[in-house]
Amino acid sequence: MGIRLPSMISSVKHVIKGKSLHGRNQPDVPKGHVAVYVGEMQKRRFVVPISYLSHPLFQDLLNLAEEEFGFNPPMGGLTIPCREDAFIKLASRLQASS
């Protein structure tokens, strides 16, 4: 199943503008970054560079998120259903490669 780009881009634009999909302000998300919620049961919020969204490994996680949540996530933002430690490891790899 592929990523539905129009839906994903629309969702990401709301977060990038500093607002969640529910309209709450997120002043701690700097320009050029996006907030994502990560976890299987408990969700933890991470702020990552937008450039991560185009990386193939990160896109694999977005595919998982689409399969589990569609684009109406329970946290009101990008929600990634993976273990927190796996996400941190991936983010470290992406940061080292940039």
PDB file of N, CA and C in Angstrom:
ATOM      1  N   MET A   1       0.852  -1.170   0.000  1.00  0.00           N
ATOM      2  CA  MET A   1       0.000   0.000   0.000  1.00  0.00           C
ATOM      3  C   MET A   1       0.901   1.237   0.000  1.00  0.00           C
ATOM      4  N   GLY A   2       0.654   2.170  -0.880  1.00  0.00           N
ATOM      5  CA  GLY A   2       1.483   3.366  -0.969  1.00  0.00           C
ATOM      6  C   GLY A   2       0.979   4.482  -0.080  1.00  0.00           C
ATOM      7  N   ILE A   3       1.790   5.495   0.044  1.00  0.00           N
ATOM      8  CA  ILE A   3       1.409   6.672   0.828  1.00  0.00           C
ATOM      9  C   ILE A   3       0.467   7.529  -0.004  1.00  0.00           C
ATOM     10  N   ARG A   4      -0.617   7.952   0.607  1.00  0.00           N
ATOM     11  CA  ARG A   4      -1.523   8.874  -0.061  1.00  0.00           C
ATOM     12  C   ARG A   4      -0.977  10.277   0.167  1.00  0.00           C
ATOM     13  N   LEU A   5      -0.159  10.752  -0.771  1.00  0.00           N
ATOM     14  CA  LEU A   5       0.542  12.011  -0.596  1.00  0.00           C
ATOM     15  C   LEU A   5      -0.372  13.204  -0.357  1.00  0.00           C
ATOM     16  N   PRO A   6      -1.459  13.393  -1.091  1.00  0.00           N
ATOM     17  CA  PRO A   6      -2.283  14.567  -0.802  1.00  0.00           C
ATOM     18  C   PRO A   6      -2.776  14.600   0.638  1.00  0.00           C
ATOM     19  N   SER A   7      -3.193  13.461   1.177  1.00  0.00           N
ATOM     20  CA  SER A   7      -3.652  13.417   2.566  1.00  0.00           C
ATOM     21  C   SER A   7      -2.509  13.681   3.526  1.00  0.00           C
ATOM     22  N   MET A   8      -1.354  13.040   3.276  1.00  0.00           N
ATOM     23  CA  MET A   8      -0.217  13.212   4.165  1.00  0.00           C
ATOM     24  C   MET A   8       0.278  14.654   4.131  1.00  0.00           C
ATOM     25  N   ILE A   9       0.372  15.237   2.948  1.00  0.00           N
ATOM     26  CA  ILE A   9       0.869  16.609   2.825  1.00  0.00           C
ATOM     27  C   ILE A   9      -0.067  17.570   3.535  1.00  0.00           C
ATOM     28  N   SER A  10      -1.360  17.364   3.399  1.00  0.00           N
ATOM     29  CA  SER A  10      -2.325  18.211   4.082  1.00  0.00           C
ATOM     30  C   SER A  10      -2.154  18.118   5.593  1.00  0.00           C
ATOM     31  N   SER A  11      -1.991  16.902   6.110  1.00  0.00           N
ATOM     32  CA  SER A  11      -1.803  16.707   7.552  1.00  0.00           C
ATOM     33  C   SER A  11      -0.518  17.360   8.028  1.00  0.00           C
ATOM     34  N   VAL A  12       0.547  17.182   7.267  1.00  0.00           N
ATOM     35  CA  VAL A  12       1.839  17.741   7.649  1.00  0.00           C
ATOM     36  C   VAL A  12       1.801  19.265   7.612  1.00  0.00           C
ATOM     37  N   LYS A  13       1.113  19.847   6.644  1.00  0.00           N
ATOM     38  CA  LYS A  13       1.035  21.312   6.549  1.00  0.00           C
ATOM     39  C   LYS A  13       0.414  21.909   7.804  1.00  0.00           C
ATOM     40  N   HIS A  14      -0.609  21.243   8.365  1.00  0.00           N
ATOM     41  CA  HIS A  14      -1.221  21.742   9.598  1.00  0.00           C
ATOM     42  C   HIS A  14      -0.209  21.761  10.735  1.00  0.00           C
ATOM     43  N   VAL A  15       0.588  20.717  10.837  1.00  0.00           N
ATOM     44  CA  VAL A  15       1.568  20.624  11.911  1.00  0.00           C
ATOM     45  C   VAL A  15       2.692  21.631  11.680  1.00  0.00           C
ATOM     46  N   ILE A  16       3.132  21.778  10.436  1.00  0.00           N
ATOM     47  CA  ILE A  16       4.216  22.699  10.117  1.00  0.00           C
ATOM     48  C   ILE A  16       3.833  24.128  10.454  1.00  0.00           C
ATOM     49  N   LYS A  17       2.577  24.484  10.254  1.00  0.00           N
ATOM     50  CA  LYS A  17       2.130  25.835  10.551  1.00  0.00           C
ATOM     51  C   LYS A  17       2.088  26.113  12.054  1.00  0.00           C
ATOM     52  N   GLY A  18       2.468  25.120  12.859  1.00  0.00           N
ATOM     53  CA  GLY A  18       2.490  25.326  14.296  1.00  0.00           C
ATOM     54  C   GLY A  18       1.179  25.002  14.971  1.00  0.00           C
ATOM     55  N   LYS A  19       0.312  24.275  14.290  1.00  0.00           N
ATOM     56  CA  LYS A  19      -0.975  23.916  14.865  1.00  0.00           C
ATOM     57  C   LYS A  19      -1.188  22.428  14.667  1.00  0.00           C
ATOM     58  N   SER A  20      -1.832  21.823  15.608  1.00  0.00           N
ATOM     59  CA  SER A  20      -2.208  20.422  15.424  1.00  0.00           C
ATOM     60  C   SER A  20      -3.446  20.385  14.543  1.00  0.00           C
ATOM     61  N   LEU A  21      -3.910  19.198  14.225  1.00  0.00           N
ATOM     62  CA  LEU A  21      -5.117  19.083  13.421  1.00  0.00           C
ATOM     63  C   LEU A  21      -6.341  19.564  14.183  1.00  0.00           C
ATOM     64  N   HIS A  22      -6.217  19.714  15.493  1.00  0.00           N
ATOM     65  CA  HIS A  22      -7.329  20.218  16.302  1.00  0.00           C
ATOM     66  C   HIS A  22      -7.212  21.717  16.550  1.00  0.00           C
ATOM     67  N   GLY A  23      -6.194  22.373  15.981  1.00  0.00           N
ATOM     68  CA  GLY A  23      -6.087  23.812  16.059  1.00  0.00           C
ATOM     69  C   GLY A  23      -5.333  24.348  17.265  1.00  0.00           C
ATOM     70  N   ARG A  24      -4.737  23.459  18.087  1.00  0.00           N
ATOM     71  CA  ARG A  24      -3.982  23.961  19.235  1.00  0.00           C
ATOM     72  C   ARG A  24      -2.633  24.466  18.761  1.00  0.00           C
ATOM     73  N   ASN A  25      -2.177  25.573  19.338  1.00  0.00           N
ATOM     74  CA  ASN A  25      -0.870  26.113  18.980  1.00  0.00           C
ATOM     75  C   ASN A  25       0.233  25.230  19.526  1.00  0.00           C
ATOM     76  N   GLN A  26       1.297  25.096  18.757  1.00  0.00           N
ATOM     77  CA  GLN A  26       2.469  24.345  19.176  1.00  0.00           C
ATOM     78  C   GLN A  26       3.689  25.247  18.983  1.00  0.00           C
ATOM     79  N   PRO A  27       3.872  26.234  19.862  1.00  0.00           N
ATOM     80  CA  PRO A  27       4.942  27.206  19.660  1.00  0.00           C
ATOM     81  C   PRO A  27       6.340  26.612  19.785  1.00  0.00           C
ATOM     82  N   ASP A  28       6.482  25.400  20.338  1.00  0.00           N
ATOM     83  CA  ASP A  28       7.793  24.818  20.521  1.00  0.00           C
ATOM     84  C   ASP A  28       8.262  24.013  19.314  1.00  0.00           C
ATOM     85  N   VAL A  29       7.540  24.074  18.198  1.00  0.00           N
ATOM     86  CA  VAL A  29       7.982  23.418  16.971  1.00  0.00           C
ATOM     87  C   VAL A  29       8.631  24.482  16.099  1.00  0.00           C
ATOM     88  N   PRO A  30       9.973  24.438  16.001  1.00  0.00           N
ATOM     89  CA  PRO A  30      10.656  25.463  15.211  1.00  0.00           C
ATOM     90  C   PRO A  30      10.375  25.314  13.714  1.00  0.00           C
ATOM     91  N   LYS A  31      10.560  26.393  13.013  1.00  0.00           N
ATOM     92  CA  LYS A  31      10.384  26.387  11.567  1.00  0.00           C
ATOM     93  C   LYS A  31      11.299  25.320  10.961  1.00  0.00           C
ATOM     94  N   GLY A  32      10.772  24.559  10.002  1.00  0.00           N
ATOM     95  CA  GLY A  32      11.551  23.521   9.360  1.00  0.00           C
ATOM     96  C   GLY A  32      11.508  22.187  10.083  1.00  0.00           C
ATOM     97  N   HIS A  33      10.648  22.087  11.098  1.00  0.00           N
ATOM     98  CA  HIS A  33      10.519  20.860  11.879  1.00  0.00           C
ATOM     99  C   HIS A  33       9.052  20.452  11.948  1.00  0.00           C
ATOM    100  N   VAL A  34       8.814  19.228  12.397  1.00  0.00           N
ATOM    101  CA  VAL A  34       7.457  18.722  12.537  1.00  0.00           C
ATOM    102  C   VAL A  34       7.400  17.883  13.816  1.00  0.00           C
ATOM    103  N   ALA A  35       6.269  17.951  14.495  1.00  0.00           N
ATOM    104  CA  ALA A  35       6.073  17.143  15.699  1.00  0.00           C
ATOM    105  C   ALA A  35       5.474  15.798  15.294  1.00  0.00           C
ATOM    106  N   VAL A  36       6.010  14.730  15.865  1.00  0.00           N
ATOM    107  CA  VAL A  36       5.464  13.393  15.636  1.00  0.00           C
ATOM    108  C   VAL A  36       5.268  12.723  16.993  1.00  0.00           C
ATOM    109  N   TYR A  37       4.264  11.873  17.071  1.00  0.00           N
ATOM    110  CA  TYR A  37       3.983  11.117  18.284  1.00  0.00           C
ATOM    111  C   TYR A  37       4.381   9.675  18.034  1.00  0.00           C
ATOM    112  N   VAL A  38       5.191   9.127  18.923  1.00  0.00           N
ATOM    113  CA  VAL A  38       5.780   7.807  18.723  1.00  0.00           C
ATOM    114  C   VAL A  38       5.477   6.912  19.908  1.00  0.00           C
ATOM    115  N   GLY A  39       5.160   5.669  19.625  1.00  0.00           N
ATOM    116  CA  GLY A  39       4.966   4.685  20.670  1.00  0.00           C
ATOM    117  C   GLY A  39       3.882   3.702  20.305  1.00  0.00           C
ATOM    118  N   GLU A  40       3.931   2.556  20.974  1.00  0.00           N
ATOM    119  CA  GLU A  40       2.924   1.536  20.722  1.00  0.00           C
ATOM    120  C   GLU A  40       1.705   1.754  21.619  1.00  0.00           C
ATOM    121  N   MET A  41       1.925   1.945  22.898  1.00  0.00           N
ATOM    122  CA  MET A  41       0.815   2.179  23.824  1.00  0.00           C
ATOM    123  C   MET A  41       0.813   3.653  24.246  1.00  0.00           C
ATOM    124  N   GLN A  42       1.827   4.049  24.982  1.00  0.00           N
ATOM    125  CA  GLN A  42       1.985   5.449  25.370  1.00  0.00           C
ATOM    126  C   GLN A  42       2.669   6.185  24.227  1.00  0.00           C
ATOM    127  N   LYS A  43       2.193   7.349  23.889  1.00  0.00           N
ATOM    128  CA  LYS A  43       2.774   8.126  22.804  1.00  0.00           C
ATOM    129  C   LYS A  43       3.633   9.249  23.381  1.00  0.00           C
ATOM    130  N   ARG A  44       4.842   9.369  22.846  1.00  0.00           N
ATOM    131  CA  ARG A  44       5.749  10.441  23.255  1.00  0.00           C
ATOM    132  C   ARG A  44       5.968  11.353  22.058  1.00  0.00           C
ATOM    133  N   ARG A  45       5.992  12.643  22.299  1.00  0.00           N
ATOM    134  CA  ARG A  45       6.123  13.635  21.233  1.00  0.00           C
ATOM    135  C   ARG A  45       7.596  13.928  20.955  1.00  0.00           C
ATOM    136  N   PHE A  46       7.954  13.892  19.668  1.00  0.00           N
ATOM    137  CA  PHE A  46       9.298  14.247  19.213  1.00  0.00           C
ATOM    138  C   PHE A  46       9.169  15.338  18.171  1.00  0.00           C
ATOM    139  N   VAL A  47      10.153  16.211  18.097  1.00  0.00           N
ATOM    140  CA  VAL A  47      10.201  17.247  17.066  1.00  0.00           C
ATOM    141  C   VAL A  47      11.398  16.923  16.183  1.00  0.00           C
ATOM    142  N   VAL A  48      11.132  16.687  14.892  1.00  0.00           N
ATOM    143  CA  VAL A  48      12.180  16.271  13.966  1.00  0.00           C
ATOM    144  C   VAL A  48      12.209  17.200  12.758  1.00  0.00           C
ATOM    145  N   PRO A  49      13.353  17.279  12.070  1.00  0.00           N
ATOM    146  CA  PRO A  49      13.428  18.101  10.850  1.00  0.00           C
ATOM    147  C   PRO A  49      12.495  17.571   9.764  1.00  0.00           C
ATOM    148  N   ILE A  50      11.928  18.466   8.996  1.00  0.00           N
ATOM    149  CA  ILE A  50      11.042  18.092   7.902  1.00  0.00           C
ATOM    150  C   ILE A  50      11.778  17.219   6.884  1.00  0.00           C
ATOM    151  N   SER A  51      13.073  17.398   6.748  1.00  0.00           N
ATOM    152  CA  SER A  51      13.849  16.619   5.779  1.00  0.00           C
ATOM    153  C   SER A  51      13.732  15.115   6.028  1.00  0.00           C
ATOM    154  N   TYR A  52      13.436  14.709   7.264  1.00  0.00           N
ATOM    155  CA  TYR A  52      13.273  13.287   7.573  1.00  0.00           C
ATOM    156  C   TYR A  52      12.102  12.677   6.789  1.00  0.00           C
ATOM    157  N   LEU A  53      11.092  13.489   6.484  1.00  0.00           N
ATOM    158  CA  LEU A  53       9.897  12.977   5.823  1.00  0.00           C
ATOM    159  C   LEU A  53      10.189  12.379   4.456  1.00  0.00           C
ATOM    160  N   SER A  54      11.262  12.811   3.804  1.00  0.00           N
ATOM    161  CA  SER A  54      11.568  12.295   2.474  1.00  0.00           C
ATOM    162  C   SER A  54      12.532  11.112   2.501  1.00  0.00           C
ATOM    163  N   HIS A  55      13.055  10.754   3.660  1.00  0.00           N
ATOM    164  CA  HIS A  55      13.997   9.642   3.758  1.00  0.00           C
ATOM    165  C   HIS A  55      13.235   8.312   3.668  1.00  0.00           C
ATOM    166  N   PRO A  56      13.751   7.337   2.883  1.00  0.00           N
ATOM    167  CA  PRO A  56      13.045   6.059   2.710  1.00  0.00           C
ATOM    168  C   PRO A  56      12.742   5.322   4.019  1.00  0.00           C
ATOM    169  N   LEU A  57      13.649   5.346   4.979  1.00  0.00           N
ATOM    170  CA  LEU A  57      13.386   4.666   6.251  1.00  0.00           C
ATOM    171  C   LEU A  57      12.239   5.324   7.010  1.00  0.00           C
ATOM    172  N   PHE A  58      12.207   6.645   6.988  1.00  0.00           N
ATOM    173  CA  PHE A  58      11.122   7.359   7.661  1.00  0.00           C
ATOM    174  C   PHE A  58       9.808   7.131   6.926  1.00  0.00           C
ATOM    175  N   GLN A  59       9.870   7.047   5.599  1.00  0.00           N
ATOM    176  CA  GLN A  59       8.654   6.787   4.831  1.00  0.00           C
ATOM    177  C   GLN A  59       8.086   5.408   5.139  1.00  0.00           C
ATOM    178  N   ASP A  60       8.962   4.438   5.450  1.00  0.00           N
ATOM    179  CA  ASP A  60       8.476   3.125   5.883  1.00  0.00           C
ATOM    180  C   ASP A  60       7.636   3.260   7.154  1.00  0.00           C
ATOM    181  N   LEU A  61       8.108   4.098   8.088  1.00  0.00           N
ATOM    182  CA  LEU A  61       7.336   4.322   9.314  1.00  0.00           C
ATOM    183  C   LEU A  61       6.009   5.015   9.004  1.00  0.00           C
ATOM    184  N   LEU A  62       6.028   5.949   8.054  1.00  0.00           N
ATOM    185  CA  LEU A  62       4.783   6.625   7.676  1.00  0.00           C
ATOM    186  C   LEU A  62       3.792   5.638   7.054  1.00  0.00           C
ATOM    187  N   ASN A  63       4.309   4.671   6.304  1.00  0.00           N
ATOM    188  CA  ASN A  63       3.426   3.633   5.746  1.00  0.00           C
ATOM    189  C   ASN A  63       2.774   2.841   6.865  1.00  0.00           C
ATOM    190  N   LEU A  64       3.548   2.501   7.892  1.00  0.00           N
ATOM    191  CA  LEU A  64       2.985   1.794   9.047  1.00  0.00           C
ATOM    192  C   LEU A  64       1.906   2.635   9.719  1.00  0.00           C
ATOM    193  N   ALA A  65       2.192   3.919   9.858  1.00  0.00           N
ATOM    194  CA  ALA A  65       1.228   4.820  10.492  1.00  0.00           C
ATOM    195  C   ALA A  65      -0.062   4.886   9.680  1.00  0.00           C
ATOM    196  N   GLU A  66       0.076   4.943   8.362  1.00  0.00           N
ATOM    197  CA  GLU A  66      -1.114   4.993   7.501  1.00  0.00           C
ATOM    198  C   GLU A  66      -1.939   3.716   7.648  1.00  0.00           C
ATOM    199  N   GLU A  67      -1.263   2.567   7.691  1.00  0.00           N
ATOM    200  CA  GLU A  67      -1.976   1.300   7.815  1.00  0.00           C
ATOM    201  C   GLU A  67      -2.715   1.198   9.146  1.00  0.00           C
ATOM    202  N   GLU A  68      -2.097   1.713  10.216  1.00  0.00           N
ATOM    203  CA  GLU A  68      -2.705   1.577  11.537  1.00  0.00           C
ATOM    204  C   GLU A  68      -3.749   2.651  11.826  1.00  0.00           C
ATOM    205  N   PHE A  69      -3.443   3.896  11.456  1.00  0.00           N
ATOM    206  CA  PHE A  69      -4.302   5.016  11.842  1.00  0.00           C
ATOM    207  C   PHE A  69      -5.002   5.708  10.683  1.00  0.00           C
ATOM    208  N   GLY A  70      -4.576   5.469   9.436  1.00  0.00           N
ATOM    209  CA  GLY A  70      -5.063   6.283   8.335  1.00  0.00           C
ATOM    210  C   GLY A  70      -4.518   7.685   8.540  1.00  0.00           C
ATOM    211  N   PHE A  71      -5.266   8.672   8.149  1.00  0.00           N
ATOM    212  CA  PHE A  71      -4.802  10.034   8.413  1.00  0.00           C
ATOM    213  C   PHE A  71      -5.796  10.775   9.292  1.00  0.00           C
ATOM    214  N   ASN A  72      -6.287  10.064  10.271  1.00  0.00           N
ATOM    215  CA  ASN A  72      -7.104  10.633  11.327  1.00  0.00           C
ATOM    216  C   ASN A  72      -6.545  10.105  12.646  1.00  0.00           C
ATOM    217  N   PRO A  73      -5.284  10.460  12.944  1.00  0.00           N
ATOM    218  CA  PRO A  73      -4.619   9.880  14.105  1.00  0.00           C
ATOM    219  C   PRO A  73      -5.222  10.345  15.424  1.00  0.00           C
ATOM    220  N   PRO A  74      -5.136   9.498  16.447  1.00  0.00           N
ATOM    221  CA  PRO A  74      -5.735   9.824  17.740  1.00  0.00           C
ATOM    222  C   PRO A  74      -5.057  10.981  18.460  1.00  0.00           C
ATOM    223  N   MET A  75      -3.798  11.249  18.186  1.00  0.00           N
ATOM    224  CA  MET A  75      -3.076  12.312  18.895  1.00  0.00           C
ATOM    225  C   MET A  75      -3.235  13.672  18.224  1.00  0.00           C
ATOM    226  N   GLY A  76      -3.857  13.733  17.050  1.00  0.00           N
ATOM    227  CA  GLY A  76      -4.046  15.006  16.377  1.00  0.00           C
ATOM    228  C   GLY A  76      -2.832  15.456  15.591  1.00  0.00           C
ATOM    229  N   GLY A  77      -1.889  14.618  15.355  1.00  0.00           N
ATOM    230  CA  GLY A  77      -0.699  14.926  14.571  1.00  0.00           C
ATOM    231  C   GLY A  77      -0.159  13.643  13.973  1.00  0.00           C
ATOM    232  N   LEU A  78       1.008  13.711  13.388  1.00  0.00           N
ATOM    233  CA  LEU A  78       1.614  12.502  12.838  1.00  0.00           C
ATOM    234  C   LEU A  78       1.896  11.537  13.973  1.00  0.00           C
ATOM    235  N   THR A  79       1.312  10.354  13.897  1.00  0.00           N
ATOM    236  CA  THR A  79       1.480   9.342  14.933  1.00  0.00           C
ATOM    237  C   THR A  79       2.134   8.125  14.310  1.00  0.00           C
ATOM    238  N   ILE A  80       3.241   7.683  14.890  1.00  0.00           N
ATOM    239  CA  ILE A  80       4.005   6.564  14.347  1.00  0.00           C
ATOM    240  C   ILE A  80       3.962   5.413  15.339  1.00  0.00           C
ATOM    241  N   PRO A  81       3.370   4.278  14.914  1.00  0.00           N
ATOM    242  CA  PRO A  81       3.190   3.141  15.812  1.00  0.00           C
ATOM    243  C   PRO A  81       4.403   2.218  15.861  1.00  0.00           C
ATOM    244  N   CYS A  82       5.459   2.676  16.498  1.00  0.00           N
ATOM    245  CA  CYS A  82       6.635   1.816  16.659  1.00  0.00           C
ATOM    246  C   CYS A  82       7.192   2.025  18.061  1.00  0.00           C
ATOM    247  N   ARG A  83       8.099   1.157  18.448  1.00  0.00           N
ATOM    248  CA  ARG A  83       8.720   1.310  19.768  1.00  0.00           C
ATOM    249  C   ARG A  83       9.538   2.593  19.784  1.00  0.00           C
ATOM    250  N   GLU A  84       9.507   3.256  20.914  1.00  0.00           N
ATOM    251  CA  GLU A  84      10.214   4.522  21.069  1.00  0.00           C
ATOM    252  C   GLU A  84      11.716   4.372  20.833  1.00  0.00           C
ATOM    253  N   ASP A  85      12.311   3.300  21.357  1.00  0.00           N
ATOM    254  CA  ASP A  85      13.748   3.102  21.185  1.00  0.00           C
ATOM    255  C   ASP A  85      14.108   2.874  19.723  1.00  0.00           C
ATOM    256  N   ALA A  86      13.248   2.215  18.946  1.00  0.00           N
ATOM    257  CA  ALA A  86      13.496   2.020  17.516  1.00  0.00           C
ATOM    258  C   ALA A  86      13.446   3.355  16.786  1.00  0.00           C
ATOM    259  N   PHE A  87      12.498   4.220  17.169  1.00  0.00           N
ATOM    260  CA  PHE A  87      12.409   5.541  16.540  1.00  0.00           C
ATOM    261  C   PHE A  87      13.641   6.382  16.865  1.00  0.00           C
ATOM    262  N   ILE A  88      14.093   6.345  18.102  1.00  0.00           N
ATOM    263  CA  ILE A  88      15.272   7.116  18.499  1.00  0.00           C
ATOM    264  C   ILE A  88      16.497   6.636  17.725  1.00  0.00           C
ATOM    265  N   LYS A  89      16.625   5.325  17.565  1.00  0.00           N
ATOM    266  CA  LYS A  89      17.744   4.768  16.802  1.00  0.00           C
ATOM    267  C   LYS A  89      17.690   5.252  15.349  1.00  0.00           C
ATOM    268  N   LEU A  90      16.490   5.225  14.734  1.00  0.00           N
ATOM    269  CA  LEU A  90      16.328   5.697  13.364  1.00  0.00           C
ATOM    270  C   LEU A  90      16.651   7.180  13.257  1.00  0.00           C
ATOM    271  N   ALA A  91      16.146   7.981  14.185  1.00  0.00           N
ATOM    272  CA  ALA A  91      16.399   9.420  14.155  1.00  0.00           C
ATOM    273  C   ALA A  91      17.892   9.710  14.293  1.00  0.00           C
ATOM    274  N   SER A  92      18.583   8.943  15.104  1.00  0.00           N
ATOM    275  CA  SER A  92      20.036   9.114  15.254  1.00  0.00           C
ATOM    276  C   SER A  92      20.748   8.816  13.944  1.00  0.00           C
ATOM    277  N   ARG A  93      20.310   7.753  13.255  1.00  0.00           N
ATOM    278  CA  ARG A  93      20.914   7.403  11.962  1.00  0.00           C
ATOM    279  C   ARG A  93      20.669   8.494  10.934  1.00  0.00           C
ATOM    280  N   LEU A  94      19.440   9.033  10.918  1.00  0.00           N
ATOM    281  CA  LEU A  94      19.121  10.092   9.960  1.00  0.00           C
ATOM    282  C   LEU A  94      19.902  11.363  10.255  1.00  0.00           C
ATOM    283  N   GLN A  95      20.067  11.663  11.530  1.00  0.00           N
ATOM    284  CA  GLN A  95      20.823  12.860  11.915  1.00  0.00           C
ATOM    285  C   GLN A  95      22.293  12.705  11.521  1.00  0.00           C
ATOM    286  N   ALA A  96      22.854  11.524  11.716  1.00  0.00           N
ATOM    287  CA  ALA A  96      24.257  11.282  11.371  1.00  0.00           C
ATOM    288  C   ALA A  96      24.488  11.353   9.869  1.00  0.00           C
ATOM    289  N   SER A  97      23.464  10.985   9.067  1.00  0.00           N
ATOM    290  CA  SER A  97      23.638  10.984   7.622  1.00  0.00           C
ATOM    291  C   SER A  97      23.409  12.348   6.999  1.00  0.00           C
ATOM    292  N   SER A  98      22.899  13.293   7.765  1.00  0.00           N
ATOM    293  CA  SER A  98      22.637  14.630   7.189  1.00  0.00           C
ATOM    294  C   SER A  98      23.748  15.600   7.457  1.00  0.00           C
TER     295      SER A  98
END
